mmCIF file of all heavy atoms, coordinates in Angstrom:
data_MODEL
# 
_entry.id   MODEL 
# 
loop_
_atom_site.group_PDB 
_atom_site.id 
_atom_site.type_symbol 
_atom_site.label_atom_id 
_atom_site.label_alt_id 
_atom_site.label_comp_id 
_atom_site.label_asym_id 
_atom_site.label_entity_id 
_atom_site.label_seq_id 
_atom_site.pdbx_PDB_ins_code 
_atom_site.Cartn_x 
_atom_site.Cartn_y 
_atom_site.Cartn_z 
_atom_site.occupancy 
_atom_site.B_iso_or_equiv 
_atom_site.pdbx_formal_charge 
_atom_site.auth_seq_id 
_atom_site.auth_comp_id 
_atom_site.auth_asym_id 
_atom_site.auth_atom_id 
_atom_site.pdbx_PDB_model_num 
ATOM 1   N N   . ILE A 1 1  ? -2.819  -0.087  -14.422 1.00 0.00 ? 1  ILE A N   1 
ATOM 2   C CA  . ILE A 1 1  ? -3.931  -0.960  -14.202 1.00 0.00 ? 1  ILE A CA  1 
ATOM 3   C C   . ILE A 1 1  ? -5.231  -0.141  -14.260 1.00 0.00 ? 1  ILE A C   1 
ATOM 4   O O   . ILE A 1 1  ? -5.404  0.745   -13.468 1.00 0.00 ? 1  ILE A O   1 
ATOM 5   C CB  . ILE A 1 1  ? -3.878  -1.761  -12.918 1.00 0.00 ? 1  ILE A CB  1 
ATOM 6   C CG1 . ILE A 1 1  ? -2.532  -2.619  -12.909 1.00 0.00 ? 1  ILE A CG1 1 
ATOM 7   C CG2 . ILE A 1 1  ? -5.098  -2.669  -12.772 1.00 0.00 ? 1  ILE A CG2 1 
ATOM 8   C CD1 . ILE A 1 1  ? -2.313  -3.291  -11.543 1.00 0.00 ? 1  ILE A CD1 1 
ATOM 9   N N   . PRO A 1 2  ? -6.129  -0.370  -15.259 1.00 0.00 ? 2  PRO A N   1 
ATOM 10  C CA  . PRO A 1 2  ? -7.408  0.336   -15.228 1.00 0.00 ? 2  PRO A CA  1 
ATOM 11  C C   . PRO A 1 2  ? -8.048  0.311   -13.926 1.00 0.00 ? 2  PRO A C   1 
ATOM 12  O O   . PRO A 1 2  ? -8.180  -0.737  -13.302 1.00 0.00 ? 2  PRO A O   1 
ATOM 13  C CB  . PRO A 1 2  ? -8.175  -0.324  -16.374 1.00 0.00 ? 2  PRO A CB  1 
ATOM 14  C CG  . PRO A 1 2  ? -7.125  -0.983  -17.257 1.00 0.00 ? 2  PRO A CG  1 
ATOM 15  C CD  . PRO A 1 2  ? -6.046  -1.403  -16.292 1.00 0.00 ? 2  PRO A CD  1 
ATOM 16  N N   . MET A 1 3  ? -8.646  1.457   -13.477 1.00 0.00 ? 3  MET A N   1 
ATOM 17  C CA  . MET A 1 3  ? -9.215  1.568   -12.149 1.00 0.00 ? 3  MET A CA  1 
ATOM 18  C C   . MET A 1 3  ? -10.437 0.559   -12.065 1.00 0.00 ? 3  MET A C   1 
ATOM 19  O O   . MET A 1 3  ? -10.715 0.030   -10.978 1.00 0.00 ? 3  MET A O   1 
ATOM 20  C CB  . MET A 1 3  ? -9.673  2.918   -11.877 1.00 0.00 ? 3  MET A CB  1 
ATOM 21  C CG  . MET A 1 3  ? -8.440  3.957   -11.732 1.00 0.00 ? 3  MET A CG  1 
ATOM 22  S SD  . MET A 1 3  ? -8.894  5.627   -11.245 1.00 0.00 ? 3  MET A SD  1 
ATOM 23  C CE  . MET A 1 3  ? -9.331  5.393   -9.550  1.00 0.00 ? 3  MET A CE  1 
ATOM 24  N N   . GLU A 1 4  ? -11.128 0.332   -13.162 1.00 0.00 ? 4  GLU A N   1 
ATOM 25  C CA  . GLU A 1 4  ? -12.271 -0.554  -13.066 1.00 0.00 ? 4  GLU A CA  1 
ATOM 26  C C   . GLU A 1 4  ? -11.850 -2.041  -12.817 1.00 0.00 ? 4  GLU A C   1 
ATOM 27  O O   . GLU A 1 4  ? -12.701 -2.876  -12.440 1.00 0.00 ? 4  GLU A O   1 
ATOM 28  C CB  . GLU A 1 4  ? -13.118 -0.438  -14.344 1.00 0.00 ? 4  GLU A CB  1 
ATOM 29  C CG  . GLU A 1 4  ? -12.400 -0.874  -15.636 1.00 0.00 ? 4  GLU A CG  1 
ATOM 30  C CD  . GLU A 1 4  ? -11.713 0.300   -16.345 1.00 0.00 ? 4  GLU A CD  1 
ATOM 31  O OE1 . GLU A 1 4  ? -11.473 1.323   -15.655 1.00 0.00 ? 4  GLU A OE1 1 
ATOM 32  O OE2 . GLU A 1 4  ? -11.441 0.129   -17.543 1.00 0.00 ? 4  GLU A OE2 1 
ATOM 33  N N   . GLU A 1 5  ? -10.586 -2.359  -13.058 1.00 0.00 ? 5  GLU A N   1 
ATOM 34  C CA  . GLU A 1 5  ? -10.092 -3.700  -12.842 1.00 0.00 ? 5  GLU A CA  1 
ATOM 35  C C   . GLU A 1 5  ? -9.795  -3.995  -11.413 1.00 0.00 ? 5  GLU A C   1 
ATOM 36  O O   . GLU A 1 5  ? -9.671  -5.113  -10.955 1.00 0.00 ? 5  GLU A O   1 
ATOM 37  C CB  . GLU A 1 5  ? -8.899  -4.091  -13.723 1.00 0.00 ? 5  GLU A CB  1 
ATOM 38  C CG  . GLU A 1 5  ? -9.217  -4.134  -15.163 1.00 0.00 ? 5  GLU A CG  1 
ATOM 39  C CD  . GLU A 1 5  ? -8.048  -4.579  -15.960 1.00 0.00 ? 5  GLU A CD  1 
ATOM 40  O OE1 . GLU A 1 5  ? -6.980  -5.083  -15.367 1.00 0.00 ? 5  GLU A OE1 1 
ATOM 41  O OE2 . GLU A 1 5  ? -8.049  -4.559  -17.256 1.00 0.00 ? 5  GLU A OE2 1 
ATOM 42  N N   . VAL A 1 6  ? -9.614  -2.920  -10.572 1.00 0.00 ? 6  VAL A N   1 
ATOM 43  C CA  . VAL A 1 6  ? -9.257  -3.082  -9.182  1.00 0.00 ? 6  VAL A CA  1 
ATOM 44  C C   . VAL A 1 6  ? -10.138 -2.117  -8.328  1.00 0.00 ? 6  VAL A C   1 
ATOM 45  O O   . VAL A 1 6  ? -9.624  -1.265  -7.639  1.00 0.00 ? 6  VAL A O   1 
ATOM 46  C CB  . VAL A 1 6  ? -7.723  -2.727  -8.925  1.00 0.00 ? 6  VAL A CB  1 
ATOM 47  C CG1 . VAL A 1 6  ? -6.850  -3.993  -9.379  1.00 0.00 ? 6  VAL A CG1 1 
ATOM 48  C CG2 . VAL A 1 6  ? -7.284  -1.503  -9.568  1.00 0.00 ? 6  VAL A CG2 1 
ATOM 49  N N   . PRO A 1 7  ? -11.410 -2.363  -8.243  1.00 0.00 ? 7  PRO A N   1 
ATOM 50  C CA  . PRO A 1 7  ? -12.278 -1.542  -7.440  1.00 0.00 ? 7  PRO A CA  1 
ATOM 51  C C   . PRO A 1 7  ? -11.893 -1.761  -5.988  1.00 0.00 ? 7  PRO A C   1 
ATOM 52  O O   . PRO A 1 7  ? -11.431 -2.801  -5.531  1.00 0.00 ? 7  PRO A O   1 
ATOM 53  C CB  . PRO A 1 7  ? -13.639 -2.140  -7.735  1.00 0.00 ? 7  PRO A CB  1 
ATOM 54  C CG  . PRO A 1 7  ? -13.462 -3.496  -8.251  1.00 0.00 ? 7  PRO A CG  1 
ATOM 55  C CD  . PRO A 1 7  ? -12.205 -3.454  -9.000  1.00 0.00 ? 7  PRO A CD  1 
ATOM 56  N N   . PRO A 1 8  ? -12.143 -0.760  -5.122  1.00 0.00 ? 8  PRO A N   1 
ATOM 57  C CA  . PRO A 1 8  ? -11.735 -0.857  -3.743  1.00 0.00 ? 8  PRO A CA  1 
ATOM 58  C C   . PRO A 1 8  ? -12.296 -2.039  -3.017  1.00 0.00 ? 8  PRO A C   1 
ATOM 59  O O   . PRO A 1 8  ? -11.611 -2.667  -2.150  1.00 0.00 ? 8  PRO A O   1 
ATOM 60  C CB  . PRO A 1 8  ? -12.251 0.402   -3.130  1.00 0.00 ? 8  PRO A CB  1 
ATOM 61  C CG  . PRO A 1 8  ? -12.313 1.432   -4.262  1.00 0.00 ? 8  PRO A CG  1 
ATOM 62  C CD  . PRO A 1 8  ? -12.659 0.626   -5.480  1.00 0.00 ? 8  PRO A CD  1 
ATOM 63  N N   . GLU A 1 9  ? -13.493 -2.486  -3.408  1.00 0.00 ? 9  GLU A N   1 
ATOM 64  C CA  . GLU A 1 9  ? -14.059 -3.664  -2.715  1.00 0.00 ? 9  GLU A CA  1 
ATOM 65  C C   . GLU A 1 9  ? -13.384 -4.952  -3.028  1.00 0.00 ? 9  GLU A C   1 
ATOM 66  O O   . GLU A 1 9  ? -13.544 -5.935  -2.273  1.00 0.00 ? 9  GLU A O   1 
ATOM 67  C CB  . GLU A 1 9  ? -15.542 -3.826  -3.030  1.00 0.00 ? 9  GLU A CB  1 
ATOM 68  C CG  . GLU A 1 9  ? -15.828 -3.967  -4.639  1.00 0.00 ? 9  GLU A CG  1 
ATOM 69  C CD  . GLU A 1 9  ? -16.191 -2.617  -5.207  1.00 0.00 ? 9  GLU A CD  1 
ATOM 70  O OE1 . GLU A 1 9  ? -15.734 -1.571  -4.733  1.00 0.00 ? 9  GLU A OE1 1 
ATOM 71  O OE2 . GLU A 1 9  ? -16.845 -2.606  -6.302  1.00 0.00 ? 9  GLU A OE2 1 
ATOM 72  N N   . GLU A 1 10 ? -12.471 -4.958  -4.008  1.00 0.00 ? 10 GLU A N   1 
ATOM 73  C CA  . GLU A 1 10 ? -11.625 -6.135  -4.348  1.00 0.00 ? 10 GLU A CA  1 
ATOM 74  C C   . GLU A 1 10 ? -10.216 -6.052  -3.836  1.00 0.00 ? 10 GLU A C   1 
ATOM 75  O O   . GLU A 1 10 ? -9.391  -6.902  -4.055  1.00 0.00 ? 10 GLU A O   1 
ATOM 76  C CB  . GLU A 1 10 ? -11.672 -6.445  -5.821  1.00 0.00 ? 10 GLU A CB  1 
ATOM 77  C CG  . GLU A 1 10 ? -13.013 -6.841  -6.386  1.00 0.00 ? 10 GLU A CG  1 
ATOM 78  C CD  . GLU A 1 10 ? -13.020 -7.164  -7.911  1.00 0.00 ? 10 GLU A CD  1 
ATOM 79  O OE1 . GLU A 1 10 ? -11.891 -7.265  -8.458  1.00 0.00 ? 10 GLU A OE1 1 
ATOM 80  O OE2 . GLU A 1 10 ? -14.095 -7.307  -8.405  1.00 0.00 ? 10 GLU A OE2 1 
ATOM 81  N N   . ILE A 1 11 ? -9.983  -4.973  -3.037  1.00 0.00 ? 11 ILE A N   1 
ATOM 82  C CA  . ILE A 1 11 ? -8.660  -4.774  -2.369  1.00 0.00 ? 11 ILE A CA  1 
ATOM 83  C C   . ILE A 1 11 ? -8.864  -5.074  -0.905  1.00 0.00 ? 11 ILE A C   1 
ATOM 84  O O   . ILE A 1 11 ? -9.613  -4.358  -0.182  1.00 0.00 ? 11 ILE A O   1 
ATOM 85  C CB  . ILE A 1 11 ? -8.194  -3.352  -2.677  1.00 0.00 ? 11 ILE A CB  1 
ATOM 86  C CG1 . ILE A 1 11 ? -8.052  -2.959  -4.105  1.00 0.00 ? 11 ILE A CG1 1 
ATOM 87  C CG2 . ILE A 1 11 ? -6.844  -3.093  -1.904  1.00 0.00 ? 11 ILE A CG2 1 
ATOM 88  C CD1 . ILE A 1 11 ? -7.675  -1.573  -4.376  1.00 0.00 ? 11 ILE A CD1 1 
ATOM 89  N N   . ASN A 1 12 ? -8.218  -6.058  -0.457  1.00 0.00 ? 12 ASN A N   1 
ATOM 90  C CA  . ASN A 1 12 ? -8.449  -6.603  0.889   1.00 0.00 ? 12 ASN A CA  1 
ATOM 91  C C   . ASN A 1 12 ? -7.402  -6.116  1.891   1.00 0.00 ? 12 ASN A C   1 
ATOM 92  O O   . ASN A 1 12 ? -6.200  -6.167  1.674   1.00 0.00 ? 12 ASN A O   1 
ATOM 93  C CB  . ASN A 1 12 ? -8.394  -8.136  0.918   1.00 0.00 ? 12 ASN A CB  1 
ATOM 94  C CG  . ASN A 1 12 ? -9.458  -8.715  -0.061  1.00 0.00 ? 12 ASN A CG  1 
ATOM 95  O OD1 . ASN A 1 12 ? -10.636 -8.502  0.183   1.00 0.00 ? 12 ASN A OD1 1 
ATOM 96  N ND2 . ASN A 1 12 ? -9.014  -9.497  -1.055  1.00 0.00 ? 12 ASN A ND2 1 
ATOM 97  N N   . TYR A 1 13 ? -7.867  -5.466  2.940   1.00 0.00 ? 13 TYR A N   1 
ATOM 98  C CA  . TYR A 1 13 ? -7.048  -4.932  4.001   1.00 0.00 ? 13 TYR A CA  1 
ATOM 99  C C   . TYR A 1 13 ? -6.824  -5.915  5.052   1.00 0.00 ? 13 TYR A C   1 
ATOM 100 O O   . TYR A 1 13 ? -7.761  -6.409  5.684   1.00 0.00 ? 13 TYR A O   1 
ATOM 101 C CB  . TYR A 1 13 ? -7.749  -3.666  4.575   1.00 0.00 ? 13 TYR A CB  1 
ATOM 102 C CG  . TYR A 1 13 ? -7.230  -3.149  5.894   1.00 0.00 ? 13 TYR A CG  1 
ATOM 103 C CD1 . TYR A 1 13 ? -5.918  -3.155  6.242   1.00 0.00 ? 13 TYR A CD1 1 
ATOM 104 C CD2 . TYR A 1 13 ? -8.159  -2.648  6.776   1.00 0.00 ? 13 TYR A CD2 1 
ATOM 105 C CE1 . TYR A 1 13 ? -5.516  -2.655  7.462   1.00 0.00 ? 13 TYR A CE1 1 
ATOM 106 C CE2 . TYR A 1 13 ? -7.766  -2.165  8.044   1.00 0.00 ? 13 TYR A CE2 1 
ATOM 107 C CZ  . TYR A 1 13 ? -6.380  -2.136  8.335   1.00 0.00 ? 13 TYR A CZ  1 
ATOM 108 O OH  . TYR A 1 13 ? -6.015  -1.724  9.597   1.00 0.00 ? 13 TYR A OH  1 
ATOM 109 N N   . LEU A 1 14 ? -5.524  -6.318  5.274   1.00 0.00 ? 14 LEU A N   1 
ATOM 110 C CA  . LEU A 1 14 ? -5.182  -7.317  6.304   1.00 0.00 ? 14 LEU A CA  1 
ATOM 111 C C   . LEU A 1 14 ? -4.846  -6.753  7.652   1.00 0.00 ? 14 LEU A C   1 
ATOM 112 O O   . LEU A 1 14 ? -5.503  -6.952  8.583   1.00 0.00 ? 14 LEU A O   1 
ATOM 113 C CB  . LEU A 1 14 ? -4.026  -8.213  5.772   1.00 0.00 ? 14 LEU A CB  1 
ATOM 114 C CG  . LEU A 1 14 ? -4.417  -9.507  5.068   1.00 0.00 ? 14 LEU A CG  1 
ATOM 115 C CD1 . LEU A 1 14 ? -5.128  -9.180  3.734   1.00 0.00 ? 14 LEU A CD1 1 
ATOM 116 C CD2 . LEU A 1 14 ? -3.118  -10.364 4.775   1.00 0.00 ? 14 LEU A CD2 1 
ATOM 117 N N   . THR A 1 15 ? -3.788  -5.939  7.683   1.00 0.00 ? 15 THR A N   1 
ATOM 118 C CA  . THR A 1 15 ? -3.286  -5.422  8.894   1.00 0.00 ? 15 THR A CA  1 
ATOM 119 C C   . THR A 1 15 ? -2.333  -4.235  8.659   1.00 0.00 ? 15 THR A C   1 
ATOM 120 O O   . THR A 1 15 ? -2.353  -3.744  7.506   1.00 0.00 ? 15 THR A O   1 
ATOM 121 C CB  . THR A 1 15 ? -2.568  -6.512  9.644   1.00 0.00 ? 15 THR A CB  1 
ATOM 122 O OG1 . THR A 1 15 ? -2.287  -6.110  11.016  1.00 0.00 ? 15 THR A OG1 1 
ATOM 123 C CG2 . THR A 1 15 ? -1.256  -6.933  8.996   1.00 0.00 ? 15 THR A CG2 1 
ATOM 124 N N   . ARG A 1 16 ? -1.703  -3.762  9.725   1.00 0.00 ? 16 ARG A N   1 
ATOM 125 C CA  . ARG A 1 16 ? -0.807  -2.578  9.601   1.00 0.00 ? 16 ARG A CA  1 
ATOM 126 C C   . ARG A 1 16 ? 0.578   -2.918  10.199  1.00 0.00 ? 16 ARG A C   1 
ATOM 127 O O   . ARG A 1 16 ? 0.637   -3.637  11.202  1.00 0.00 ? 16 ARG A O   1 
ATOM 128 C CB  . ARG A 1 16 ? -1.385  -1.367  10.269  1.00 0.00 ? 16 ARG A CB  1 
ATOM 129 C CG  . ARG A 1 16 ? -2.648  -0.840  9.646   1.00 0.00 ? 16 ARG A CG  1 
ATOM 130 C CD  . ARG A 1 16 ? -3.351  0.172   10.586  1.00 0.00 ? 16 ARG A CD  1 
ATOM 131 N NE  . ARG A 1 16 ? -3.927  -0.495  11.722  1.00 0.00 ? 16 ARG A NE  1 
ATOM 132 C CZ  . ARG A 1 16 ? -4.592  0.181   12.659  1.00 0.00 ? 16 ARG A CZ  1 
ATOM 133 N NH1 . ARG A 1 16 ? -4.693  1.436   12.716  1.00 0.00 ? 16 ARG A NH1 1 
ATOM 134 N NH2 . ARG A 1 16 ? -5.106  -0.524  13.715  1.00 0.00 ? 16 ARG A NH2 1 
ATOM 135 N N   . ILE A 1 17 ? 1.606   -2.283  9.672   1.00 0.00 ? 17 ILE A N   1 
ATOM 136 C CA  . ILE A 1 17 ? 2.919   -2.354  10.303  1.00 0.00 ? 17 ILE A CA  1 
ATOM 137 C C   . ILE A 1 17 ? 3.436   -0.898  10.470  1.00 0.00 ? 17 ILE A C   1 
ATOM 138 O O   . ILE A 1 17 ? 3.044   0.051   9.722   1.00 0.00 ? 17 ILE A O   1 
ATOM 139 C CB  . ILE A 1 17 ? 3.924   -3.150  9.514   1.00 0.00 ? 17 ILE A CB  1 
ATOM 140 C CG1 . ILE A 1 17 ? 4.266   -2.434  8.119   1.00 0.00 ? 17 ILE A CG1 1 
ATOM 141 C CG2 . ILE A 1 17 ? 3.453   -4.512  9.212   1.00 0.00 ? 17 ILE A CG2 1 
ATOM 142 C CD1 . ILE A 1 17 ? 5.454   -3.041  7.445   1.00 0.00 ? 17 ILE A CD1 1 
ATOM 143 N N   . HIS A 1 18 ? 4.248   -0.703  11.448  1.00 0.00 ? 18 HIS A N   1 
ATOM 144 C CA  . HIS A 1 18 ? 4.895   0.599   11.784  1.00 0.00 ? 18 HIS A CA  1 
ATOM 145 C C   . HIS A 1 18 ? 6.381   0.363   11.626  1.00 0.00 ? 18 HIS A C   1 
ATOM 146 O O   . HIS A 1 18 ? 6.995   -0.411  12.395  1.00 0.00 ? 18 HIS A O   1 
ATOM 147 C CB  . HIS A 1 18 ? 4.461   1.048   13.178  1.00 0.00 ? 18 HIS A CB  1 
ATOM 148 C CG  . HIS A 1 18 ? 5.130   2.343   13.570  1.00 0.00 ? 18 HIS A CG  1 
ATOM 149 N ND1 . HIS A 1 18 ? 5.016   2.860   14.897  1.00 0.00 ? 18 HIS A ND1 1 
ATOM 150 C CD2 . HIS A 1 18 ? 5.895   3.287   12.937  1.00 0.00 ? 18 HIS A CD2 1 
ATOM 151 C CE1 . HIS A 1 18 ? 5.645   3.998   14.972  1.00 0.00 ? 18 HIS A CE1 1 
ATOM 152 N NE2 . HIS A 1 18 ? 6.204   4.268   13.785  1.00 0.00 ? 18 HIS A NE2 1 
ATOM 153 N N   . TYR A 1 19 ? 6.993   1.139   10.702  1.00 0.00 ? 19 TYR A N   1 
ATOM 154 C CA  . TYR A 1 19 ? 8.488   0.927   10.509  1.00 0.00 ? 19 TYR A CA  1 
ATOM 155 C C   . TYR A 1 19 ? 9.081   2.277   10.203  1.00 0.00 ? 19 TYR A C   1 
ATOM 156 O O   . TYR A 1 19 ? 8.389   3.283   9.809   1.00 0.00 ? 19 TYR A O   1 
ATOM 157 C CB  . TYR A 1 19 ? 8.744   -0.109  9.361   1.00 0.00 ? 19 TYR A CB  1 
ATOM 158 C CG  . TYR A 1 19 ? 8.578   0.512   8.034   1.00 0.00 ? 19 TYR A CG  1 
ATOM 159 C CD1 . TYR A 1 19 ? 9.668   1.033   7.302   1.00 0.00 ? 19 TYR A CD1 1 
ATOM 160 C CD2 . TYR A 1 19 ? 7.319   0.675   7.378   1.00 0.00 ? 19 TYR A CD2 1 
ATOM 161 C CE1 . TYR A 1 19 ? 9.537   1.592   6.062   1.00 0.00 ? 19 TYR A CE1 1 
ATOM 162 C CE2 . TYR A 1 19 ? 7.145   1.213   6.199   1.00 0.00 ? 19 TYR A CE2 1 
ATOM 163 C CZ  . TYR A 1 19 ? 8.221   1.716   5.518   1.00 0.00 ? 19 TYR A CZ  1 
ATOM 164 O OH  . TYR A 1 19 ? 8.125   2.302   4.272   1.00 0.00 ? 19 TYR A OH  1 
ATOM 165 N N   . LYS A 1 20 ? 10.433  2.328   10.265  1.00 0.00 ? 20 LYS A N   1 
ATOM 166 C CA  . LYS A 1 20 ? 11.198  3.551   9.935   1.00 0.00 ? 20 LYS A CA  1 
ATOM 167 C C   . LYS A 1 20 ? 12.452  3.131   9.202   1.00 0.00 ? 20 LYS A C   1 
ATOM 168 O O   . LYS A 1 20 ? 13.086  2.073   9.609   1.00 0.00 ? 20 LYS A O   1 
ATOM 169 C CB  . LYS A 1 20 ? 11.499  4.297   11.192  1.00 0.00 ? 20 LYS A CB  1 
ATOM 170 C CG  . LYS A 1 20 ? 12.365  5.525   10.995  1.00 0.00 ? 20 LYS A CG  1 
ATOM 171 C CD  . LYS A 1 20 ? 12.349  6.483   12.192  1.00 0.00 ? 20 LYS A CD  1 
ATOM 172 C CE  . LYS A 1 20 ? 13.025  5.884   13.434  1.00 0.00 ? 20 LYS A CE  1 
ATOM 173 N NZ  . LYS A 1 20 ? 13.141  6.855   14.531  1.00 0.00 ? 20 LYS A NZ  1 
ATOM 174 N N   . ALA A 1 21 ? 12.865  3.777   8.152   1.00 0.00 ? 21 ALA A N   1 
ATOM 175 C CA  . ALA A 1 21 ? 14.066  3.418   7.412   1.00 0.00 ? 21 ALA A CA  1 
ATOM 176 C C   . ALA A 1 21 ? 14.622  4.672   6.654   1.00 0.00 ? 21 ALA A C   1 
ATOM 177 O O   . ALA A 1 21 ? 13.830  5.508   6.112   1.00 0.00 ? 21 ALA A O   1 
ATOM 178 C CB  . ALA A 1 21 ? 13.724  2.309   6.405   1.00 0.00 ? 21 ALA A CB  1 
ATOM 179 N N   . GLN A 1 22 ? 15.931  4.746   6.624   1.00 0.00 ? 22 GLN A N   1 
ATOM 180 C CA  . GLN A 1 22 ? 16.611  5.831   5.828   1.00 0.00 ? 22 GLN A CA  1 
ATOM 181 C C   . GLN A 1 22 ? 16.870  5.268   4.469   1.00 0.00 ? 22 GLN A C   1 
ATOM 182 O O   . GLN A 1 22 ? 17.345  4.135   4.239   1.00 0.00 ? 22 GLN A O   1 
ATOM 183 C CB  . GLN A 1 22 ? 17.899  6.235   6.524   1.00 0.00 ? 22 GLN A CB  1 
ATOM 184 C CG  . GLN A 1 22 ? 17.710  7.082   7.728   1.00 0.00 ? 22 GLN A CG  1 
ATOM 185 C CD  . GLN A 1 22 ? 18.973  7.809   8.150   1.00 0.00 ? 22 GLN A CD  1 
ATOM 186 O OE1 . GLN A 1 22 ? 20.010  7.668   7.521   1.00 0.00 ? 22 GLN A OE1 1 
ATOM 187 N NE2 . GLN A 1 22 ? 18.896  8.659   9.197   1.00 0.00 ? 22 GLN A NE2 1 
ATOM 188 N N   . SER A 1 23 ? 16.641  6.173   3.466   1.00 0.00 ? 23 SER A N   1 
ATOM 189 C CA  . SER A 1 23 ? 17.029  5.838   2.031   1.00 0.00 ? 23 SER A CA  1 
ATOM 190 C C   . SER A 1 23 ? 18.445  6.293   1.816   1.00 0.00 ? 23 SER A C   1 
ATOM 191 O O   . SER A 1 23 ? 19.272  5.620   1.217   1.00 0.00 ? 23 SER A O   1 
ATOM 192 C CB  . SER A 1 23 ? 16.125  6.506   1.068   1.00 0.00 ? 23 SER A CB  1 
ATOM 193 O OG  . SER A 1 23 ? 16.466  6.276   -0.299  1.00 0.00 ? 23 SER A OG  1 
ATOM 194 N N   . ASP A 1 24 ? 18.738  7.556   2.253   1.00 0.00 ? 24 ASP A N   1 
ATOM 195 C CA  . ASP A 1 24 ? 20.120  8.142   2.154   1.00 0.00 ? 24 ASP A CA  1 
ATOM 196 C C   . ASP A 1 24 ? 20.285  9.169   3.288   1.00 0.00 ? 24 ASP A C   1 
ATOM 197 O O   . ASP A 1 24 ? 19.478  9.132   4.337   1.00 0.00 ? 24 ASP A O   1 
ATOM 198 C CB  . ASP A 1 24 ? 20.385  8.783   0.763   1.00 0.00 ? 24 ASP A CB  1 
ATOM 199 C CG  . ASP A 1 24 ? 19.356  9.769   0.394   1.00 0.00 ? 24 ASP A CG  1 
ATOM 200 O OD1 . ASP A 1 24 ? 18.766  10.407  1.329   1.00 0.00 ? 24 ASP A OD1 1 
ATOM 201 O OD2 . ASP A 1 24 ? 19.137  9.946   -0.784  1.00 0.00 ? 24 ASP A OD2 1 
ATOM 202 N N   . GLY A 1 25 ? 21.259  10.043  3.206   1.00 0.00 ? 25 GLY A N   1 
ATOM 203 C CA  . GLY A 1 25 ? 21.449  11.000  4.269   1.00 0.00 ? 25 GLY A CA  1 
ATOM 204 C C   . GLY A 1 25 ? 20.382  12.040  4.341   1.00 0.00 ? 25 GLY A C   1 
ATOM 205 O O   . GLY A 1 25 ? 20.255  12.756  5.423   1.00 0.00 ? 25 GLY A O   1 
ATOM 206 N N   . ILE A 1 26 ? 19.489  12.207  3.403   1.00 0.00 ? 26 ILE A N   1 
ATOM 207 C CA  . ILE A 1 26 ? 18.531  13.260  3.372   1.00 0.00 ? 26 ILE A CA  1 
ATOM 208 C C   . ILE A 1 26 ? 17.097  12.644  3.510   1.00 0.00 ? 26 ILE A C   1 
ATOM 209 O O   . ILE A 1 26 ? 16.300  13.198  4.292   1.00 0.00 ? 26 ILE A O   1 
ATOM 210 C CB  . ILE A 1 26 ? 18.622  14.057  2.093   1.00 0.00 ? 26 ILE A CB  1 
ATOM 211 C CG1 . ILE A 1 26 ? 19.961  14.852  2.092   1.00 0.00 ? 26 ILE A CG1 1 
ATOM 212 C CG2 . ILE A 1 26 ? 17.397  15.116  2.004   1.00 0.00 ? 26 ILE A CG2 1 
ATOM 213 C CD1 . ILE A 1 26 ? 20.162  15.519  0.745   1.00 0.00 ? 26 ILE A CD1 1 
# 
């Protein structure tokens, strides 16, 4: 996606989550 199509001012920050998850043994 060209950077000019998604300037930071058009990216809306809602909230935050804290999570933990394993992908595999490493």
